[in-house]
PDB file of N, CA and C in Angstrom:
ATOM      1  N   UNK A   1     -21.588 -18.609 -35.282  1.00  0.00           N
ATOM      2  CA  UNK A   1     -20.789 -19.296 -34.269  1.00  0.00           C
ATOM      3  C   UNK A   1     -20.885 -20.797 -34.537  1.00  0.00           C
ATOM      4  N   UNK A   2     -19.745 -21.509 -34.537  1.00  0.00           N
ATOM      5  CA  UNK A   2     -19.771 -22.957 -34.744  1.00  0.00           C
ATOM      6  C   UNK A   2     -20.481 -23.673 -33.592  1.00  0.00           C
ATOM      7  N   UNK A   3     -20.883 -24.902 -33.865  1.00  0.00           N
ATOM      8  CA  UNK A   3     -21.524 -25.719 -32.840  1.00  0.00           C
ATOM      9  C   UNK A   3     -20.547 -25.974 -31.690  1.00  0.00           C
ATOM     10  N   UNK A   4     -21.075 -25.996 -30.468  1.00  0.00           N
ATOM     11  CA  UNK A   4     -20.252 -26.194 -29.271  1.00  0.00           C
ATOM     12  C   UNK A   4     -20.789 -27.386 -28.499  1.00  0.00           C
ATOM     13  N   UNK A   5     -19.876 -28.271 -28.114  1.00  0.00           N
ATOM     14  CA  UNK A   5     -20.229 -29.403 -27.261  1.00  0.00           C
ATOM     15  C   UNK A   5     -19.570 -29.190 -25.903  1.00  0.00           C
ATOM     16  N   UNK A   6     -20.328 -29.409 -24.866  1.00  0.00           N
ATOM     17  CA  UNK A   6     -19.825 -29.269 -23.500  1.00  0.00           C
ATOM     18  C   UNK A   6     -19.722 -30.660 -22.899  1.00  0.00           C
ATOM     19  N   UNK A   7     -18.629 -30.929 -22.186  1.00  0.00           N
ATOM     20  CA  UNK A   7     -18.477 -32.249 -21.586  1.00  0.00           C
ATOM     21  C   UNK A   7     -17.412 -32.271 -20.515  1.00  0.00           C
ATOM     22  N   UNK A   8     -17.094 -33.486 -20.090  1.00  0.00           N
ATOM     23  CA  UNK A   8     -16.068 -33.717 -19.077  1.00  0.00           C
ATOM     24  C   UNK A   8     -15.247 -34.928 -19.498  1.00  0.00           C
ATOM     25  N   UNK A   9     -13.921 -34.788 -19.517  1.00  0.00           N
ATOM     26  CA  UNK A   9     -13.053 -35.923 -19.806  1.00  0.00           C
ATOM     27  C   UNK A   9     -13.167 -36.951 -18.682  1.00  0.00           C
ATOM     28  N   UNK A  10     -12.724 -38.184 -18.931  1.00  0.00           N
ATOM     29  CA  UNK A  10     -12.808 -39.239 -17.908  1.00  0.00           C
ATOM     30  C   UNK A  10     -12.038 -38.864 -16.644  1.00  0.00           C
ATOM     31  N   UNK A  11     -11.074 -37.961 -16.750  1.00  0.00           N
ATOM     32  CA  UNK A  11     -10.302 -37.505 -15.587  1.00  0.00           C
ATOM     33  C   UNK A  11     -11.064 -36.474 -14.764  1.00  0.00           C
ATOM     34  N   UNK A  12     -12.229 -36.040 -15.284  1.00  0.00           N
ATOM     35  CA  UNK A  12     -13.025 -35.044 -14.577  1.00  0.00           C
ATOM     36  C   UNK A  12     -12.792 -33.623 -15.040  1.00  0.00           C
ATOM     37  N   UNK A  13     -11.874 -33.417 -15.972  1.00  0.00           N
ATOM     38  CA  UNK A  13     -11.576 -32.072 -16.465  1.00  0.00           C
ATOM     39  C   UNK A  13     -12.680 -31.631 -17.423  1.00  0.00           C
ATOM     40  N   UNK A  14     -13.332 -30.495 -17.140  1.00  0.00           N
ATOM     41  CA  UNK A  14     -14.398 -30.011 -18.020  1.00  0.00           C
ATOM     42  C   UNK A  14     -13.827 -29.397 -19.300  1.00  0.00           C
ATOM     43  N   UNK A  15     -14.598 -29.514 -20.394  1.00  0.00           N
ATOM     44  CA  UNK A  15     -14.162 -28.937 -21.657  1.00  0.00           C
ATOM     45  C   UNK A  15     -15.336 -28.408 -22.457  1.00  0.00           C
ATOM     46  N   UNK A  16     -15.017 -27.470 -23.345  1.00  0.00           N
ATOM     47  CA  UNK A  16     -15.898 -27.038 -24.420  1.00  0.00           C
ATOM     48  C   UNK A  16     -15.194 -27.445 -25.703  1.00  0.00           C
ATOM     49  N   UNK A  17     -15.922 -28.064 -26.640  1.00  0.00           N
ATOM     50  CA  UNK A  17     -15.321 -28.512 -27.895  1.00  0.00           C
ATOM     51  C   UNK A  17     -16.062 -27.850 -29.054  1.00  0.00           C
ATOM     52  N   UNK A  18     -15.291 -27.345 -30.010  1.00  0.00           N
ATOM     53  CA  UNK A  18     -15.871 -26.710 -31.188  1.00  0.00           C
ATOM     54  C   UNK A  18     -14.931 -26.898 -32.372  1.00  0.00           C
ATOM     55  N   UNK A  19     -15.469 -26.911 -33.570  1.00  0.00           N
ATOM     56  CA  UNK A  19     -14.673 -26.991 -34.781  1.00  0.00           C
ATOM     57  C   UNK A  19     -14.503 -28.402 -35.295  1.00  0.00           C
ATOM     58  N   UNK A  20     -13.726 -28.504 -36.376  1.00  0.00           N
ATOM     59  CA  UNK A  20     -13.466 -29.785 -37.037  1.00  0.00           C
ATOM     60  C   UNK A  20     -12.029 -29.805 -37.519  1.00  0.00           C
ATOM     61  N   UNK A  21     -11.395 -30.962 -37.405  1.00  0.00           N
ATOM     62  CA  UNK A  21     -10.017 -31.122 -37.861  1.00  0.00           C
ATOM     63  C   UNK A  21      -9.171 -31.733 -36.776  1.00  0.00           C
ATOM     64  N   UNK A  22      -7.847 -31.627 -36.906  1.00  0.00           N
ATOM     65  CA  UNK A  22      -6.955 -32.157 -35.871  1.00  0.00           C
ATOM     66  C   UNK A  22      -7.251 -31.497 -34.522  1.00  0.00           C
ATOM     67  N   UNK A  23      -6.970 -32.217 -33.459  1.00  0.00           N
ATOM     68  CA  UNK A  23      -7.273 -31.725 -32.110  1.00  0.00           C
ATOM     69  C   UNK A  23      -6.281 -30.642 -31.695  1.00  0.00           C
ATOM     70  N   UNK A  24      -6.813 -29.571 -31.133  1.00  0.00           N
ATOM     71  CA  UNK A  24      -6.026 -28.503 -30.530  1.00  0.00           C
ATOM     72  C   UNK A  24      -6.527 -28.344 -29.101  1.00  0.00           C
ATOM     73  N   UNK A  25      -5.689 -28.663 -28.126  1.00  0.00           N
ATOM     74  CA  UNK A  25      -6.050 -28.588 -26.716  1.00  0.00           C
ATOM     75  C   UNK A  25      -5.549 -27.264 -26.154  1.00  0.00           C
ATOM     76  N   UNK A  26      -6.468 -26.452 -25.619  1.00  0.00           N
ATOM     77  CA  UNK A  26      -6.132 -25.125 -25.120  1.00  0.00           C
ATOM     78  C   UNK A  26      -6.508 -25.039 -23.644  1.00  0.00           C
ATOM     79  N   UNK A  27      -5.519 -24.794 -22.791  1.00  0.00           N
ATOM     80  CA  UNK A  27      -5.772 -24.631 -21.352  1.00  0.00           C
ATOM     81  C   UNK A  27      -6.067 -23.162 -21.093  1.00  0.00           C
ATOM     82  N   UNK A  28      -7.167 -22.697 -21.649  1.00  0.00           N
ATOM     83  CA  UNK A  28      -7.510 -21.276 -21.560  1.00  0.00           C
ATOM     84  C   UNK A  28      -8.465 -20.971 -20.418  1.00  0.00           C
ATOM     85  N   UNK A  29      -9.175 -21.971 -19.933  1.00  0.00           N
ATOM     86  CA  UNK A  29     -10.205 -21.730 -18.927  1.00  0.00           C
ATOM     87  C   UNK A  29      -9.694 -21.851 -17.514  1.00  0.00           C
ATOM     88  N   UNK A  30      -8.602 -21.217 -17.210  1.00  0.00           N
ATOM     89  CA  UNK A  30      -8.045 -21.330 -15.869  1.00  0.00           C
ATOM     90  C   UNK A  30      -8.748 -20.366 -14.930  1.00  0.00           C
ATOM     91  N   UNK A  31     -10.015 -20.660 -14.675  1.00  0.00           N
ATOM     92  CA  UNK A  31     -10.812 -19.840 -13.774  1.00  0.00           C
ATOM     93  C   UNK A  31     -10.757 -20.416 -12.368  1.00  0.00           C
ATOM     94  N   UNK A  32     -11.403 -19.777 -11.450  1.00  0.00           N
ATOM     95  CA  UNK A  32     -11.429 -20.246 -10.061  1.00  0.00           C
ATOM     96  C   UNK A  32     -12.425 -21.383  -9.862  1.00  0.00           C
ATOM     97  N   UNK A  33     -13.135 -21.769 -10.902  1.00  0.00           N
ATOM     98  CA  UNK A  33     -14.153 -22.816 -10.800  1.00  0.00           C
ATOM     99  C   UNK A  33     -13.664 -24.098 -11.465  1.00  0.00           C
ATOM    100  N   UNK A  34     -14.264 -25.206 -11.082  1.00  0.00           N
ATOM    101  CA  UNK A  34     -13.949 -26.504 -11.693  1.00  0.00           C
ATOM    102  C   UNK A  34     -15.073 -26.873 -12.653  1.00  0.00           C
ATOM    103  N   UNK A  35     -15.461 -25.942 -13.498  1.00  0.00           N
ATOM    104  CA  UNK A  35     -16.580 -26.144 -14.420  1.00  0.00           C
ATOM    105  C   UNK A  35     -16.318 -25.323 -15.673  1.00  0.00           C
ATOM    106  N   UNK A  36     -17.096 -25.607 -16.705  1.00  0.00           N
ATOM    107  CA  UNK A  36     -16.988 -24.807 -17.919  1.00  0.00           C
ATOM    108  C   UNK A  36     -17.464 -23.385 -17.640  1.00  0.00           C
ATOM    109  N   UNK A  37     -16.877 -22.420 -18.348  1.00  0.00           N
ATOM    110  CA  UNK A  37     -17.296 -21.033 -18.133  1.00  0.00           C
ATOM    111  C   UNK A  37     -18.733 -20.813 -18.582  1.00  0.00           C
ATOM    112  N   UNK A  38     -19.341 -19.796 -18.034  1.00  0.00           N
ATOM    113  CA  UNK A  38     -20.714 -19.421 -18.380  1.00  0.00           C
ATOM    114  C   UNK A  38     -20.739 -17.929 -18.694  1.00  0.00           C
ATOM    115  N   UNK A  39     -21.822 -17.489 -19.278  1.00  0.00           N
ATOM    116  CA  UNK A  39     -22.052 -16.070 -19.511  1.00  0.00           C
ATOM    117  C   UNK A  39     -20.986 -15.415 -20.366  1.00  0.00           C
ATOM    118  N   UNK A  40     -20.536 -14.245 -19.926  1.00  0.00           N
ATOM    119  CA  UNK A  40     -19.571 -13.450 -20.681  1.00  0.00           C
ATOM    120  C   UNK A  40     -18.253 -14.181 -20.871  1.00  0.00           C
ATOM    121  N   UNK A  41     -17.789 -14.882 -19.845  1.00  0.00           N
ATOM    122  CA  UNK A  41     -16.526 -15.615 -19.941  1.00  0.00           C
ATOM    123  C   UNK A  41     -16.615 -16.701 -21.004  1.00  0.00           C
ATOM    124  N   UNK A  42     -17.743 -17.400 -21.055  1.00  0.00           N
ATOM    125  CA  UNK A  42     -17.936 -18.443 -22.069  1.00  0.00           C
ATOM    126  C   UNK A  42     -17.944 -17.830 -23.475  1.00  0.00           C
ATOM    127  N   UNK A  43     -18.694 -16.749 -23.655  1.00  0.00           N
ATOM    128  CA  UNK A  43     -18.757 -16.099 -24.966  1.00  0.00           C
ATOM    129  C   UNK A  43     -17.374 -15.622 -25.403  1.00  0.00           C
ATOM    130  N   UNK A  44     -16.623 -15.038 -24.487  1.00  0.00           N
ATOM    131  CA  UNK A  44     -15.279 -14.549 -24.815  1.00  0.00           C
ATOM    132  C   UNK A  44     -14.348 -15.709 -25.178  1.00  0.00           C
ATOM    133  N   UNK A  45     -14.418 -16.806 -24.444  1.00  0.00           N
ATOM    134  CA  UNK A  45     -13.579 -17.968 -24.735  1.00  0.00           C
ATOM    135  C   UNK A  45     -13.890 -18.549 -26.107  1.00  0.00           C
ATOM    136  N   UNK A  46     -15.173 -18.663 -26.418  1.00  0.00           N
ATOM    137  CA  UNK A  46     -15.571 -19.224 -27.707  1.00  0.00           C
ATOM    138  C   UNK A  46     -15.252 -18.272 -28.853  1.00  0.00           C
ATOM    139  N   UNK A  47     -15.361 -16.968 -28.621  1.00  0.00           N
ATOM    140  CA  UNK A  47     -15.002 -15.999 -29.660  1.00  0.00           C
ATOM    141  C   UNK A  47     -13.511 -16.078 -29.964  1.00  0.00           C
ATOM    142  N   UNK A  48     -12.699 -16.245 -28.934  1.00  0.00           N
ATOM    143  CA  UNK A  48     -11.253 -16.375 -29.100  1.00  0.00           C
ATOM    144  C   UNK A  48     -10.920 -17.644 -29.884  1.00  0.00           C
ATOM    145  N   UNK A  49     -11.671 -18.731 -29.644  1.00  0.00           N
ATOM    146  CA  UNK A  49     -11.397 -20.021 -30.286  1.00  0.00           C
ATOM    147  C   UNK A  49     -11.930 -20.109 -31.712  1.00  0.00           C
ATOM    148  N   UNK A  50     -12.884 -19.253 -32.083  1.00  0.00           N
ATOM    149  CA  UNK A  50     -13.570 -19.366 -33.384  1.00  0.00           C
ATOM    150  C   UNK A  50     -12.622 -19.424 -34.584  1.00  0.00           C
ATOM    151  N   UNK A  51     -11.603 -18.572 -34.689  1.00  0.00           N
ATOM    152  CA  UNK A  51     -10.717 -18.669 -35.859  1.00  0.00           C
ATOM    153  C   UNK A  51      -9.983 -20.011 -35.941  1.00  0.00           C
ATOM    154  N   UNK A  52      -9.626 -20.564 -34.791  1.00  0.00           N
ATOM    155  CA  UNK A  52      -8.932 -21.856 -34.769  1.00  0.00           C
ATOM    156  C   UNK A  52      -9.878 -22.994 -35.137  1.00  0.00           C
ATOM    157  N   UNK A  53     -11.157 -22.837 -34.777  1.00  0.00           N
ATOM    158  CA  UNK A  53     -12.160 -23.881 -35.017  1.00  0.00           C
ATOM    159  C   UNK A  53     -12.428 -24.084 -36.506  1.00  0.00           C
ATOM    160  N   UNK A  54     -11.995 -23.163 -37.336  1.00  0.00           N
ATOM    161  CA  UNK A  54     -12.144 -23.358 -38.784  1.00  0.00           C
ATOM    162  C   UNK A  54     -11.210 -24.449 -39.289  1.00  0.00           C
ATOM    163  N   UNK A  55     -10.133 -24.727 -38.546  1.00  0.00           N
ATOM    164  CA  UNK A  55      -9.119 -25.683 -38.997  1.00  0.00           C
ATOM    165  C   UNK A  55      -8.851 -26.815 -38.013  1.00  0.00           C
ATOM    166  N   UNK A  56      -9.312 -26.673 -36.788  1.00  0.00           N
ATOM    167  CA  UNK A  56      -9.026 -27.642 -35.729  1.00  0.00           C
ATOM    168  C   UNK A  56     -10.288 -27.972 -34.941  1.00  0.00           C
ATOM    169  N   UNK A  57     -10.268 -29.116 -34.270  1.00  0.00           N
ATOM    170  CA  UNK A  57     -11.250 -29.408 -33.234  1.00  0.00           C
ATOM    171  C   UNK A  57     -10.648 -28.858 -31.944  1.00  0.00           C
ATOM    172  N   UNK A  58     -11.168 -27.758 -31.477  1.00  0.00           N
ATOM    173  CA  UNK A  58     -10.600 -27.045 -30.329  1.00  0.00           C
ATOM    174  C   UNK A  58     -11.268 -27.539 -29.046  1.00  0.00           C
ATOM    175  N   UNK A  59     -10.452 -27.975 -28.093  1.00  0.00           N
ATOM    176  CA  UNK A  59     -10.926 -28.329 -26.752  1.00  0.00           C
ATOM    177  C   UNK A  59     -10.438 -27.245 -25.806  1.00  0.00           C
ATOM    178  N   UNK A  60     -11.349 -26.453 -25.278  1.00  0.00           N
ATOM    179  CA  UNK A  60     -11.010 -25.449 -24.264  1.00  0.00           C
ATOM    180  C   UNK A  60     -11.220 -26.120 -22.910  1.00  0.00           C
ATOM    181  N   UNK A  61     -10.153 -26.290 -22.164  1.00  0.00           N
ATOM    182  CA  UNK A  61     -10.247 -27.009 -20.893  1.00  0.00           C
ATOM    183  C   UNK A  61     -10.104 -26.055 -19.725  1.00  0.00           C
ATOM    184  N   UNK A  62     -10.667 -26.472 -18.596  1.00  0.00           N
ATOM    185  CA  UNK A  62     -10.614 -25.676 -17.384  1.00  0.00           C
ATOM    186  C   UNK A  62      -9.736 -26.388 -16.362  1.00  0.00           C
ATOM    187  N   UNK A  63      -9.804 -25.954 -15.127  1.00  0.00           N
ATOM    188  CA  UNK A  63      -9.009 -26.536 -14.038  1.00  0.00           C
ATOM    189  C   UNK A  63      -9.335 -27.999 -13.824  1.00  0.00           C
ATOM    190  N   UNK A  64      -8.342 -28.735 -13.414  1.00  0.00           N
ATOM    191  CA  UNK A  64      -8.588 -30.128 -13.047  1.00  0.00           C
ATOM    192  C   UNK A  64      -9.338 -30.166 -11.724  1.00  0.00           C
ATOM    193  N   UNK A  65     -10.153 -31.186 -11.529  1.00  0.00           N
ATOM    194  CA  UNK A  65     -10.880 -31.286 -10.258  1.00  0.00           C
ATOM    195  C   UNK A  65      -9.927 -31.641  -9.124  1.00  0.00           C
ATOM    196  N   UNK A  66     -10.351 -31.379  -7.924  1.00  0.00           N
ATOM    197  CA  UNK A  66      -9.558 -31.745  -6.750  1.00  0.00           C
ATOM    198  C   UNK A  66      -8.883 -30.568  -6.079  1.00  0.00           C
ATOM    199  N   UNK A  67      -8.728 -29.469  -6.803  1.00  0.00           N
ATOM    200  CA  UNK A  67      -8.151 -28.280  -6.192  1.00  0.00           C
ATOM    201  C   UNK A  67      -9.217 -27.529  -5.407  1.00  0.00           C
ATOM    202  N   UNK A  68      -8.775 -26.661  -4.544  1.00  0.00           N
ATOM    203  CA  UNK A  68      -9.728 -25.858  -3.776  1.00  0.00           C
ATOM    204  C   UNK A  68     -10.281 -24.741  -4.654  1.00  0.00           C
ATOM    205  N   UNK A  69     -11.601 -24.505  -4.636  1.00  0.00           N
ATOM    206  CA  UNK A  69     -12.166 -23.384  -5.391  1.00  0.00           C
ATOM    207  C   UNK A  69     -11.524 -22.074  -4.953  1.00  0.00           C
ATOM    208  N   UNK A  70     -11.237 -21.221  -5.905  1.00  0.00           N
ATOM    209  CA  UNK A  70     -10.641 -19.927  -5.609  1.00  0.00           C
ATOM    210  C   UNK A  70      -9.132 -19.955  -5.512  1.00  0.00           C
ATOM    211  N   UNK A  71      -8.525 -21.122  -5.551  1.00  0.00           N
ATOM    212  CA  UNK A  71      -7.072 -21.226  -5.452  1.00  0.00           C
ATOM    213  C   UNK A  71      -6.473 -21.096  -6.845  1.00  0.00           C
ATOM    214  N   UNK A  72      -5.574 -20.175  -7.008  1.00  0.00           N
ATOM    215  CA  UNK A  72      -4.907 -19.995  -8.297  1.00  0.00           C
ATOM    216  C   UNK A  72      -3.672 -20.866  -8.389  1.00  0.00           C
ATOM    217  N   UNK A  73      -2.945 -20.693  -9.472  1.00  0.00           N
ATOM    218  CA  UNK A  73      -1.704 -21.431  -9.665  1.00  0.00           C
ATOM    219  C   UNK A  73      -0.595 -20.809  -8.826  1.00  0.00           C
ATOM    220  N   UNK A  74       0.233 -21.649  -8.240  1.00  0.00           N
ATOM    221  CA  UNK A  74       1.434 -21.187  -7.562  1.00  0.00           C
ATOM    222  C   UNK A  74       2.581 -21.303  -8.537  1.00  0.00           C
ATOM    223  N   UNK A  75       3.680 -20.672  -8.243  1.00  0.00           N
ATOM    224  CA  UNK A  75       4.848 -20.735  -9.112  1.00  0.00           C
ATOM    225  C   UNK A  75       5.259 -22.182  -9.378  1.00  0.00           C
ATOM    226  N   UNK A  76       5.206 -23.035  -8.388  1.00  0.00           N
ATOM    227  CA  UNK A  76       5.603 -24.427  -8.540  1.00  0.00           C
ATOM    228  C   UNK A  76       4.627 -25.272  -9.318  1.00  0.00           C
ATOM    229  N   UNK A  77       3.425 -24.759  -9.620  1.00  0.00           N
ATOM    230  CA  UNK A  77       2.416 -25.503 -10.367  1.00  0.00           C
ATOM    231  C   UNK A  77       2.616 -25.426 -11.859  1.00  0.00           C
ATOM    232  N   UNK A  78       3.453 -24.545 -12.339  1.00  0.00           N
ATOM    233  CA  UNK A  78       3.560 -24.363 -13.782  1.00  0.00           C
ATOM    234  C   UNK A  78       4.283 -25.532 -14.435  1.00  0.00           C
ATOM    235  N   UNK A  79       3.982 -25.733 -15.691  1.00  0.00           N
ATOM    236  CA  UNK A  79       4.625 -26.795 -16.449  1.00  0.00           C
ATOM    237  C   UNK A  79       5.829 -26.223 -17.184  1.00  0.00           C
ATOM    238  N   UNK A  80       6.681 -27.108 -17.626  1.00  0.00           N
ATOM    239  CA  UNK A  80       7.805 -26.707 -18.449  1.00  0.00           C
ATOM    240  C   UNK A  80       9.094 -26.635 -17.674  1.00  0.00           C
ATOM    241  N   UNK A  81      10.169 -26.285 -18.363  1.00  0.00           N
ATOM    242  CA  UNK A  81      11.487 -26.228 -17.719  1.00  0.00           C
ATOM    243  C   UNK A  81      11.536 -25.164 -16.641  1.00  0.00           C
ATOM    244  N   UNK A  82      12.353 -25.401 -15.679  1.00  0.00           N
ATOM    245  CA  UNK A  82      12.500 -24.445 -14.578  1.00  0.00           C
ATOM    246  C   UNK A  82      13.860 -23.812 -14.610  1.00  0.00           C
TER     247      UNK A  82
END
């Protein structure tokens, strides 16, 4: 398993970083918590990112701070064209 760095961006968004190369930002950690995943969820996230980490610096990000814990995304929260 590649080395993993855990941190928080200046905006407060938590991330796990692994790999080397151009940056690849993955919003994969959309859990009910405002923190990096732990336990099985963390292992699964890092296993999913491992193939990409051979070619990219992968940032796995979680929810932005400020939302209520346990609140999921609403239809109006999604990005992209409507």
